[in-house]
N, C-alpha and C. Protein backbone atom coordinates (compact mmCIF):
# COMPACT_ATOMS: atom_id res chain seq x y z
N MET A 1 -1.36 7.51 11.64
CA MET A 1 -1.72 6.68 10.74
C MET A 1 -1.11 5.29 10.09
N SER A 2 0.11 6.10 9.63
CA SER A 2 1.08 5.10 9.36
C SER A 2 1.51 4.47 9.89
N SER A 3 2.04 5.15 11.16
CA SER A 3 2.64 4.45 12.30
C SER A 3 1.77 2.64 12.44
N SER A 4 0.75 2.72 12.37
CA SER A 4 0.04 1.41 12.84
C SER A 4 0.27 0.44 11.86
N VAL A 5 0.77 0.83 10.44
CA VAL A 5 1.02 -0.17 9.32
C VAL A 5 2.45 -0.41 9.31
N ILE A 6 3.12 0.55 9.95
CA ILE A 6 4.84 0.21 10.16
C ILE A 6 4.99 -0.86 11.03
N PHE A 7 3.96 -0.22 12.38
CA PHE A 7 3.90 -1.45 13.27
C PHE A 7 3.64 -3.05 13.23
N PHE A 8 2.94 -3.15 12.39
CA PHE A 8 2.18 -4.62 11.79
C PHE A 8 3.33 -4.96 10.80
N ILE A 9 3.94 -4.42 10.01
CA ILE A 9 5.16 -4.65 9.41
C ILE A 9 6.20 -4.93 9.83
N LEU A 10 6.77 -4.37 10.62
CA LEU A 10 7.86 -5.04 11.42
C LEU A 10 7.32 -6.12 12.30
N LEU A 11 6.27 -5.78 13.43
CA LEU A 11 6.26 -7.17 14.51
C LEU A 11 5.82 -8.19 12.97
N ALA A 12 5.04 -7.92 11.86
CA ALA A 12 5.38 -9.66 11.10
C ALA A 12 6.34 -9.42 10.76
N HIS A 13 7.76 -8.78 10.69
CA HIS A 13 9.04 -9.55 10.21
C HIS A 13 9.74 -9.88 11.02
N PHE A 14 9.86 -9.59 12.29
CA PHE A 14 9.66 -10.26 13.49
C PHE A 14 9.54 -11.39 13.60
N TYR A 15 8.48 -12.29 13.06
CA TYR A 15 7.57 -13.30 13.25
C TYR A 15 7.78 -14.26 11.75
N ALA A 16 8.65 -13.48 11.15
CA ALA A 16 8.84 -14.03 9.50
C ALA A 16 9.77 -15.31 9.85
N ASN A 17 9.45 -16.88 9.44
CA ASN A 17 10.94 -17.43 9.37
C ASN A 17 11.02 -17.96 7.83
N HIS A 18 12.18 -19.08 8.32
CA HIS A 18 12.89 -18.95 6.97
C HIS A 18 11.45 -20.09 6.36
N PRO A 19 11.48 -20.01 4.89
CA PRO A 19 12.15 -19.05 4.13
C PRO A 19 12.25 -17.37 3.75
N TYR A 20 11.31 -16.94 4.31
CA TYR A 20 10.85 -15.68 4.13
C TYR A 20 12.08 -14.88 3.68
N ASN A 21 12.37 -14.23 2.97
CA ASN A 21 13.26 -13.31 2.47
C ASN A 21 13.25 -12.02 2.13
N TRP A 22 12.91 -11.18 2.95
CA TRP A 22 12.21 -9.02 2.75
C TRP A 22 12.86 -8.79 1.63
N THR A 23 14.16 -9.36 0.86
CA THR A 23 14.68 -8.62 -0.45
C THR A 23 14.39 -9.36 -1.49
N LYS A 24 13.61 -10.46 -1.11
CA LYS A 24 13.07 -11.17 -2.55
C LYS A 24 11.38 -10.98 -2.15
N ASN A 25 10.96 -11.43 -1.09
CA ASN A 25 9.54 -11.53 -1.09
C ASN A 25 8.46 -10.25 -0.60
N THR A 26 7.50 -10.46 -0.69
CA THR A 26 6.27 -9.29 -0.98
C THR A 26 6.19 -8.76 0.70
N ILE A 27 5.71 -7.91 0.83
CA ILE A 27 5.18 -7.49 2.38
C ILE A 27 3.96 -8.70 1.84
N SER A 28 3.16 -8.92 0.99
CA SER A 28 1.83 -9.49 0.89
C SER A 28 2.04 -10.93 1.15
N ASP A 29 3.37 -11.45 1.04
CA ASP A 29 3.77 -12.68 1.56
C ASP A 29 3.46 -12.83 3.14
N LEU A 30 4.10 -11.91 3.89
CA LEU A 30 3.57 -11.68 5.21
C LEU A 30 2.04 -12.27 6.00
N GLY A 31 1.18 -12.01 5.23
CA GLY A 31 0.07 -12.35 5.02
C GLY A 31 -0.61 -13.53 4.19
N ALA A 32 0.21 -14.11 3.49
CA ALA A 32 -0.15 -15.11 2.68
C ALA A 32 -0.76 -16.29 2.94
N GLN A 33 -1.59 -17.38 2.53
CA GLN A 33 -2.44 -18.35 2.73
C GLN A 33 -1.46 -19.55 3.28
N ALA A 34 -2.06 -20.22 4.46
CA ALA A 34 -1.19 -21.23 4.56
C ALA A 34 0.21 -20.40 5.63
N TYR A 35 0.16 -19.54 5.71
CA TYR A 35 1.44 -18.80 6.33
C TYR A 35 0.88 -18.88 8.04
N GLU A 36 1.44 -19.05 9.04
CA GLU A 36 1.12 -19.27 10.70
C GLU A 36 0.68 -17.89 11.11
N HIS A 37 1.73 -17.01 10.47
CA HIS A 37 1.51 -15.76 11.25
C HIS A 37 0.88 -14.48 10.26
N LYS A 38 0.29 -14.93 9.20
CA LYS A 38 -0.79 -13.87 8.30
C LYS A 38 -1.72 -13.40 8.98
N TRP A 39 -2.15 -13.29 10.31
CA TRP A 39 -3.12 -12.49 11.04
C TRP A 39 -2.58 -11.40 11.16
N ILE A 40 -0.92 -11.17 11.16
CA ILE A 40 -0.55 -10.23 11.67
C ILE A 40 -0.55 -8.99 10.45
N MET A 41 0.12 -9.36 9.40
CA MET A 41 0.06 -8.83 8.69
C MET A 41 -1.67 -8.21 7.82
N GLN A 42 -2.18 -9.20 7.76
CA GLN A 42 -3.71 -9.20 7.81
C GLN A 42 -4.17 -7.51 8.58
N ALA A 43 -3.85 -8.12 9.82
CA ALA A 43 -4.42 -6.67 10.99
C ALA A 43 -3.83 -5.47 10.37
N GLY A 44 -2.51 -5.31 9.87
CA GLY A 44 -1.84 -4.10 9.73
C GLY A 44 -2.40 -3.98 7.96
N PHE A 45 -3.17 -4.46 7.05
CA PHE A 45 -3.75 -4.03 6.02
C PHE A 45 -4.75 -3.52 6.46
N LEU A 46 -5.63 -4.02 6.86
CA LEU A 46 -6.92 -3.86 7.22
C LEU A 46 -6.60 -2.49 8.27
N SER A 47 -6.10 -2.71 8.99
CA SER A 47 -6.05 -1.18 9.94
C SER A 47 -5.74 0.03 9.15
N PHE A 48 -4.39 -0.29 8.73
CA PHE A 48 -3.61 1.14 7.84
C PHE A 48 -4.72 1.39 6.12
N GLY A 49 -5.89 0.57 5.64
CA GLY A 49 -6.37 1.33 4.79
C GLY A 49 -7.66 1.92 5.20
N LEU A 50 -8.56 0.70 6.63
CA LEU A 50 -9.45 1.39 7.62
C LEU A 50 -9.27 3.33 7.88
N ILE A 51 -8.06 3.41 8.42
CA ILE A 51 -7.44 4.40 8.86
C ILE A 51 -7.33 5.81 8.00
N LEU A 52 -7.28 4.72 6.87
CA LEU A 52 -6.92 6.15 6.02
C LEU A 52 -8.56 6.41 5.51
N SER A 53 -9.11 5.46 5.34
CA SER A 53 -10.45 6.06 4.68
C SER A 53 -11.11 6.55 5.50
N VAL A 54 -11.31 6.82 6.95
CA VAL A 54 -11.99 7.30 7.70
C VAL A 54 -11.40 8.77 8.00
N GLY A 55 -10.20 8.83 7.80
CA GLY A 55 -9.72 10.04 7.66
C GLY A 55 -9.89 10.71 6.46
N ILE A 56 -9.76 10.39 5.66
CA ILE A 56 -10.83 10.68 4.62
C ILE A 56 -11.87 11.61 4.56
N LEU A 57 -12.92 10.49 4.87
CA LEU A 57 -13.89 10.70 5.13
C LEU A 57 -14.16 11.81 5.97
N PHE A 58 -13.41 11.75 7.31
CA PHE A 58 -13.63 12.55 8.14
C PHE A 58 -13.24 14.49 8.08
N HIS A 59 -12.26 14.42 6.50
CA HIS A 59 -11.98 15.40 6.15
C HIS A 59 -12.70 15.83 5.21
N GLY A 60 -13.74 14.90 5.02
CA GLY A 60 -15.06 15.32 3.46
C GLY A 60 -13.97 15.09 2.37
N LEU A 61 -15.11 13.81 2.02
CA LEU A 61 -14.90 13.17 0.46
C LEU A 61 -15.52 14.45 -0.69
N THR A 62 -14.11 14.41 -1.59
CA THR A 62 -14.57 15.05 -2.46
C THR A 62 -13.69 14.37 -4.21
N LEU A 63 -13.62 15.14 -5.10
CA LEU A 63 -13.27 14.66 -5.87
C LEU A 63 -11.59 14.39 -5.57
N ARG A 64 -11.28 15.46 -5.28
CA ARG A 64 -9.73 15.32 -4.97
C ARG A 64 -9.27 14.25 -4.16
N THR A 65 -10.09 13.72 -3.01
CA THR A 65 -10.10 13.00 -2.08
C THR A 65 -10.34 11.67 -2.83
N ALA A 66 -11.23 11.42 -3.60
CA ALA A 66 -11.77 9.98 -3.53
C ALA A 66 -10.91 8.77 -3.89
N PRO A 67 -9.80 9.08 -4.73
CA PRO A 67 -8.73 8.37 -5.43
C PRO A 67 -7.79 7.44 -4.20
N VAL A 68 -7.49 8.92 -3.14
CA VAL A 68 -7.10 7.80 -2.16
C VAL A 68 -7.89 7.47 -1.27
N LEU A 69 -9.17 8.07 -1.20
CA LEU A 69 -10.50 6.21 -0.44
C LEU A 69 -10.37 5.56 -0.76
N ILE A 70 -10.55 5.00 -2.07
CA ILE A 70 -10.37 3.98 -2.99
C ILE A 70 -9.32 3.44 -2.43
N TYR A 71 -8.37 3.60 -2.64
CA TYR A 71 -6.76 3.17 -2.23
C TYR A 71 -7.02 2.60 -1.02
N GLY A 72 -7.48 3.51 0.38
CA GLY A 72 -7.38 3.21 1.53
C GLY A 72 -8.23 1.58 1.41
N LEU A 73 -9.45 1.34 0.95
CA LEU A 73 -10.13 0.75 0.96
C LEU A 73 -10.06 -0.76 0.26
N CYS A 74 -8.91 -0.38 -0.72
CA CYS A 74 -8.56 -1.76 -1.88
C CYS A 74 -7.39 -2.19 -0.95
N VAL A 75 -6.69 -1.19 0.06
CA VAL A 75 -5.48 -2.16 0.78
C VAL A 75 -6.12 -2.52 1.75
N ALA A 76 -7.27 -1.80 1.87
CA ALA A 76 -7.92 -3.23 3.42
C ALA A 76 -8.79 -4.39 3.10
N ALA A 77 -8.54 -4.31 1.86
CA ALA A 77 -9.14 -5.23 1.15
C ALA A 77 -7.97 -6.54 0.71
N THR A 78 -7.16 -6.15 0.42
CA THR A 78 -5.74 -6.88 0.73
C THR A 78 -5.65 -7.91 2.03
N GLY A 79 -6.32 -7.11 3.24
CA GLY A 79 -5.63 -7.41 4.33
C GLY A 79 -7.50 -8.75 4.58
N ILE A 80 -8.12 -8.67 3.75
CA ILE A 80 -8.95 -10.44 3.61
C ILE A 80 -8.80 -10.84 2.70
N PHE A 81 -8.59 -10.51 1.55
CA PHE A 81 -8.13 -11.74 0.82
C PHE A 81 -6.38 -12.03 0.65
N CYS A 82 -6.09 -13.06 0.72
CA CYS A 82 -4.59 -13.28 1.03
C CYS A 82 -3.87 -13.73 -0.09
N THR A 83 -2.68 -13.85 -0.47
CA THR A 83 -2.47 -13.52 -1.78
C THR A 83 -2.06 -15.47 -1.22
N LYS A 84 -1.55 -16.08 -2.83
CA LYS A 84 -0.92 -17.38 -2.53
C LYS A 84 0.20 -17.84 -1.42
N PRO A 85 0.56 -18.68 -0.94
CA PRO A 85 1.72 -18.98 -0.22
C PRO A 85 2.82 -18.44 -0.56
N PHE A 86 4.06 -17.86 -0.48
CA PHE A 86 5.23 -17.88 -1.26
C PHE A 86 5.92 -19.25 -0.86
N ARG A 87 5.40 -20.15 0.08
CA ARG A 87 6.17 -21.53 -0.14
C ARG A 87 6.11 -22.06 -1.75
N GLY A 88 4.86 -22.04 -1.95
CA GLY A 88 4.67 -22.91 -3.09
C GLY A 88 4.02 -24.35 -3.05
N MET A 89 4.26 -24.84 -1.82
CA MET A 89 3.86 -26.37 -1.70
C MET A 89 2.43 -26.35 -1.27
N GLU A 90 1.99 -25.35 -0.21
CA GLU A 90 0.11 -25.35 0.21
C GLU A 90 -0.62 -25.53 -0.67
N PRO A 91 -1.87 -26.49 -0.20
CA PRO A 91 -2.67 -25.95 -1.38
C PRO A 91 -3.53 -24.34 -0.86
N TYR A 92 -3.95 -24.03 -1.57
CA TYR A 92 -4.62 -22.43 -1.12
C TYR A 92 -5.86 -22.04 -2.12
N SER A 93 -6.51 -21.07 -2.22
CA SER A 93 -7.70 -20.62 -2.61
C SER A 93 -7.15 -19.65 -3.91
N ALA A 94 -7.01 -19.93 -5.38
CA ALA A 94 -6.67 -19.33 -6.30
C ALA A 94 -8.04 -18.03 -6.21
N THR A 95 -8.63 -18.61 -6.03
CA THR A 95 -10.04 -16.99 -5.78
C THR A 95 -9.76 -15.88 -4.74
N HIS A 96 -8.96 -16.26 -3.70
CA HIS A 96 -8.66 -15.27 -2.47
C HIS A 96 -7.22 -14.69 -3.30
N ALA A 97 -6.61 -15.45 -3.57
CA ALA A 97 -5.24 -14.66 -4.55
C ALA A 97 -5.73 -13.70 -5.65
N ALA A 98 -6.49 -14.24 -6.82
CA ALA A 98 -7.00 -13.30 -7.37
C ALA A 98 -7.20 -12.33 -7.00
N LEU A 99 -8.13 -12.53 -6.22
CA LEU A 99 -8.62 -11.02 -5.35
C LEU A 99 -7.72 -10.45 -4.53
N HIS A 100 -6.89 -10.76 -4.03
CA HIS A 100 -5.82 -9.82 -3.33
C HIS A 100 -5.08 -9.50 -4.51
N SER A 101 -4.76 -9.67 -5.44
CA SER A 101 -3.75 -9.18 -6.25
C SER A 101 -4.36 -8.07 -7.52
N PHE A 102 -5.93 -8.24 -7.61
CA PHE A 102 -6.73 -7.45 -7.87
C PHE A 102 -6.80 -6.29 -7.32
N PHE A 103 -7.08 -6.14 -5.63
CA PHE A 103 -7.02 -5.04 -5.17
C PHE A 103 -5.51 -4.29 -4.81
N ALA A 104 -5.09 -5.31 -4.44
CA ALA A 104 -3.41 -4.80 -4.54
C ALA A 104 -3.13 -3.52 -6.28
N GLN A 105 -3.43 -4.13 -6.91
CA GLN A 105 -3.28 -3.38 -8.27
C GLN A 105 -3.99 -1.96 -8.34
N PHE A 106 -5.72 -2.55 -8.41
CA PHE A 106 -6.47 -1.27 -7.92
C PHE A 106 -6.24 -0.15 -6.89
N ALA A 107 -5.09 -0.67 -6.06
CA ALA A 107 -5.29 0.25 -4.91
C ALA A 107 -3.82 1.17 -5.35
N GLY A 108 -2.87 0.38 -6.27
CA GLY A 108 -1.98 1.18 -6.75
C GLY A 108 -2.14 2.25 -7.95
N ILE A 109 -3.04 1.99 -8.84
CA ILE A 109 -3.33 2.84 -9.49
C ILE A 109 -4.44 3.79 -8.62
N ALA A 110 -5.38 3.38 -8.33
CA ALA A 110 -5.80 4.47 -7.58
C ALA A 110 -5.05 5.68 -6.45
N PHE A 111 -4.10 5.26 -6.17
CA PHE A 111 -2.95 6.27 -5.45
C PHE A 111 -2.43 6.81 -6.23
N SER A 112 -1.88 6.03 -7.61
CA SER A 112 -1.09 6.94 -8.66
C SER A 112 -1.99 8.41 -8.93
N LEU A 113 -3.23 7.91 -9.09
CA LEU A 113 -4.12 8.83 -9.51
C LEU A 113 -4.66 9.83 -8.58
N GLY A 114 -4.40 9.42 -7.36
CA GLY A 114 -4.73 10.36 -6.16
C GLY A 114 -3.48 11.69 -6.41
N ILE A 115 -2.04 10.83 -6.40
CA ILE A 115 -1.49 11.69 -6.86
C ILE A 115 -1.39 12.79 -7.73
N LEU A 116 -1.91 12.41 -9.08
CA LEU A 116 -1.82 12.93 -9.92
C LEU A 116 -2.62 13.99 -10.06
N MET A 117 -4.20 13.81 -9.56
CA MET A 117 -5.10 14.57 -9.21
C MET A 117 -4.90 15.86 -8.28
N GLN A 118 -3.92 15.56 -7.84
CA GLN A 118 -3.16 16.99 -6.95
C GLN A 118 -2.72 18.06 -7.53
N LEU A 119 -2.61 17.52 -9.38
CA LEU A 119 -1.73 18.85 -10.34
C LEU A 119 -2.52 19.72 -10.20
N PHE A 120 -3.92 19.02 -10.45
CA PHE A 120 -5.04 19.76 -10.86
C PHE A 120 -5.85 20.89 -10.16
N PHE A 121 -5.41 20.83 -8.64
CA PHE A 121 -6.23 21.52 -7.86
C PHE A 121 -5.39 22.23 -6.51
N ILE A 122 -4.39 21.83 -6.85
CA ILE A 122 -2.93 22.52 -5.71
C ILE A 122 -2.45 23.76 -6.69
N ARG A 123 -2.40 25.07 -6.25
CA ARG A 123 -2.05 26.21 -7.21
C ARG A 123 -0.62 26.67 -6.84
N ASP A 124 -0.11 26.43 -5.67
CA ASP A 124 1.11 25.87 -5.53
C ASP A 124 1.88 25.87 -6.43
N ARG A 125 3.00 26.57 -6.84
CA ARG A 125 4.31 25.69 -8.03
C ARG A 125 4.78 24.65 -7.23
N ASN A 126 5.63 24.86 -6.32
CA ASN A 126 6.35 23.67 -5.19
C ASN A 126 5.54 22.90 -4.67
N GLN A 127 4.58 22.74 -4.82
CA GLN A 127 3.11 21.50 -3.57
C GLN A 127 3.38 20.81 -5.17
N GLN A 128 3.17 21.54 -6.42
CA GLN A 128 2.56 21.00 -7.64
C GLN A 128 3.92 19.56 -8.18
N MET A 129 5.14 21.09 -7.73
CA MET A 129 6.72 20.05 -8.24
C MET A 129 6.51 18.73 -7.25
N THR A 130 6.08 18.76 -6.19
CA THR A 130 6.54 17.87 -4.83
C THR A 130 5.46 16.95 -5.55
N HIS A 131 4.29 17.07 -5.82
CA HIS A 131 3.61 15.87 -6.30
C HIS A 131 3.67 15.08 -7.38
N LEU A 132 4.37 16.34 -8.52
CA LEU A 132 4.77 15.42 -9.37
C LEU A 132 6.10 14.28 -9.28
N VAL A 133 7.08 15.07 -8.29
CA VAL A 133 8.02 14.53 -8.09
C VAL A 133 7.79 12.89 -7.74
N PHE A 134 6.27 13.05 -6.91
CA PHE A 134 6.53 11.86 -5.92
C PHE A 134 5.77 10.88 -7.01
N PHE A 135 4.83 11.53 -7.88
CA PHE A 135 4.31 10.85 -9.07
C PHE A 135 5.23 10.04 -9.51
N VAL A 136 6.32 10.36 -10.30
CA VAL A 136 7.35 9.72 -10.90
C VAL A 136 8.06 9.02 -9.83
N VAL A 137 8.24 9.14 -8.60
CA VAL A 137 8.91 8.05 -7.93
C VAL A 137 8.19 6.84 -7.77
N VAL A 138 6.85 6.99 -7.62
CA VAL A 138 5.70 5.86 -7.58
C VAL A 138 5.73 5.07 -8.74
N ILE A 139 5.52 5.81 -9.84
CA ILE A 139 5.45 5.14 -11.30
C ILE A 139 6.69 4.49 -11.01
N GLY A 140 8.21 5.36 -11.01
CA GLY A 140 9.25 4.57 -11.36
C GLY A 140 9.67 2.61 -10.87
N LEU A 141 9.29 3.30 -9.01
CA LEU A 141 9.30 2.01 -8.31
C LEU A 141 7.96 0.96 -8.65
N SER A 142 6.99 1.13 -9.06
CA SER A 142 6.19 0.55 -9.71
C SER A 142 6.95 -0.80 -10.58
N ALA A 143 7.39 0.20 -11.43
CA ALA A 143 7.81 -0.39 -12.50
C ALA A 143 9.16 -1.42 -12.00
N THR A 144 9.70 -0.76 -11.26
CA THR A 144 10.73 -1.41 -10.66
C THR A 144 10.15 -2.78 -9.92
N PHE A 145 9.21 -2.58 -9.21
CA PHE A 145 8.97 -4.27 -8.65
C PHE A 145 8.29 -5.06 -10.00
N GLY A 146 8.14 -4.50 -11.13
CA GLY A 146 8.19 -5.74 -11.78
C GLY A 146 8.92 -6.08 -12.37
N ILE A 147 10.14 -5.47 -12.55
CA ILE A 147 11.20 -5.73 -13.36
C ILE A 147 12.00 -6.81 -12.30
N LEU A 148 12.37 -6.34 -11.43
CA LEU A 148 13.36 -7.21 -10.92
C LEU A 148 12.36 -8.04 -9.60
N LYS A 149 12.62 -9.37 -10.19
CA LYS A 149 12.25 -10.45 -9.60
C LYS A 149 12.58 -10.68 -8.06
N ASN A 150 14.44 -10.57 -8.41
CA ASN A 150 14.72 -11.18 -7.28
C ASN A 150 15.31 -10.07 -6.33
N ASN A 151 14.37 -8.85 -6.56
CA ASN A 151 14.65 -7.77 -5.07
C ASN A 151 13.50 -7.21 -5.34
N GLN A 152 12.70 -7.78 -4.94
CA GLN A 152 11.09 -7.48 -5.26
C GLN A 152 10.73 -7.09 -4.06
N GLY A 153 11.27 -7.42 -2.73
CA GLY A 153 10.75 -7.10 -1.20
C GLY A 153 11.49 -5.78 -1.26
N ILE A 154 12.86 -5.73 -1.83
CA ILE A 154 13.79 -4.04 -1.67
C ILE A 154 12.54 -2.65 -2.49
N ALA A 155 12.48 -3.24 -3.68
CA ALA A 155 11.66 -2.04 -4.22
C ALA A 155 10.31 -2.11 -3.74
N GLN A 156 9.43 -3.13 -2.98
CA GLN A 156 8.22 -2.59 -2.69
C GLN A 156 8.20 -1.77 -1.15
N ARG A 157 9.31 -2.40 -0.78
CA ARG A 157 9.71 -1.62 0.66
C ARG A 157 9.75 0.10 0.14
N LEU A 158 10.76 0.31 -0.68
CA LEU A 158 11.19 1.59 -1.11
C LEU A 158 9.49 2.39 -1.94
N LEU A 159 8.94 1.93 -2.81
CA LEU A 159 7.52 2.13 -2.72
C LEU A 159 6.68 2.55 -2.14
N TYR A 160 6.41 1.57 -0.66
CA TYR A 160 5.91 1.86 0.45
C TYR A 160 6.23 2.80 1.19
N LEU A 161 7.37 2.74 1.73
CA LEU A 161 8.01 3.66 1.84
C LEU A 161 7.87 5.33 1.33
N SER A 162 8.08 5.33 0.19
CA SER A 162 7.73 6.65 -0.75
C SER A 162 5.82 7.30 -0.67
N SER A 163 5.33 5.77 -0.34
CA SER A 163 3.97 6.19 -0.63
C SER A 163 3.68 6.80 1.23
N PHE A 164 4.37 6.22 1.75
CA PHE A 164 3.71 6.75 3.35
C PHE A 164 4.15 8.36 3.23
N ILE A 165 5.24 8.61 2.70
CA ILE A 165 5.82 10.08 3.16
C ILE A 165 4.92 11.18 2.27
N TRP A 166 4.42 10.40 0.74
CA TRP A 166 3.60 11.16 0.05
C TRP A 166 2.50 11.06 0.79
N LEU A 167 1.84 10.35 1.82
CA LEU A 167 0.50 10.75 2.47
C LEU A 167 0.24 11.29 3.49
N VAL A 168 1.70 11.49 4.19
CA VAL A 168 1.77 12.53 5.37
C VAL A 168 1.86 14.11 4.57
N PHE A 169 2.47 13.93 3.55
CA PHE A 169 2.67 15.20 3.00
C PHE A 169 0.97 15.10 2.59
N PHE A 170 0.84 15.06 1.79
CA PHE A 170 -0.93 14.89 1.59
C PHE A 170 -1.91 15.86 2.89
N PHE A 171 -1.99 14.95 3.61
CA PHE A 171 -2.66 14.98 4.60
C PHE A 171 -2.27 16.62 5.63
N LYS A 172 -1.00 16.83 5.55
CA LYS A 172 -0.41 17.99 6.13
C LYS A 172 -0.47 19.32 5.30
N THR A 173 -0.74 18.87 3.87
CA THR A 173 -0.93 19.95 2.87
C THR A 173 -2.09 20.08 2.07
N SER A 174 -2.77 19.16 1.90
CA SER A 174 -4.06 19.24 1.13
C SER A 174 -5.64 19.36 1.66
N LEU A 175 -5.63 18.66 2.84
CA LEU A 175 -6.65 18.06 3.56
C LEU A 175 -7.32 19.59 3.90
N PRO A 176 -8.54 20.01 3.92
CA PRO A 176 -8.91 20.95 4.53
C PRO A 176 -8.50 20.68 6.41
N LYS A 177 -8.46 21.41 7.34
CA LYS A 177 -8.30 21.06 8.20
C LYS A 177 -9.69 20.72 9.25
N GLY A 178 -9.74 19.39 9.86
CA GLY A 178 -11.02 19.29 10.61
C GLY A 178 -11.60 19.57 11.81
């Protein structure tokens, strides 16, 4: 599941050109409007979101998995609606940029709720603690992302990495075997 998005992120970085800087620019900037290689990151967002959503539906949609499904659908939507150009000089659709931002923020909220909800469904104390640690890490990195304007790219990549790790843990420990 996460290997597809990792592939697209790495491929998009390979094609990224100046002035894109992975330490400052977000992953969404790789799919920004007016960016000649945006289709690569759009494909990554779409495939990751849809694969995650199908995986949730395949294992059975429950109250416990609903926030992760919403997260997946919102990530897919960020691949449809592109953020504004990171170079700042090209004309762009403010509506698309606003929708991209909305879906990205809603994805983050749904993801955080998805982690938090596990605390109410898991009885194993070790697993509860693991979910709690991931929740604190995700919230902390999300706050850092907003604070560190010159290192947003690094903060976001750390956030994505911790999110991918939690998703693997979630699928291995929380979902019924299909």
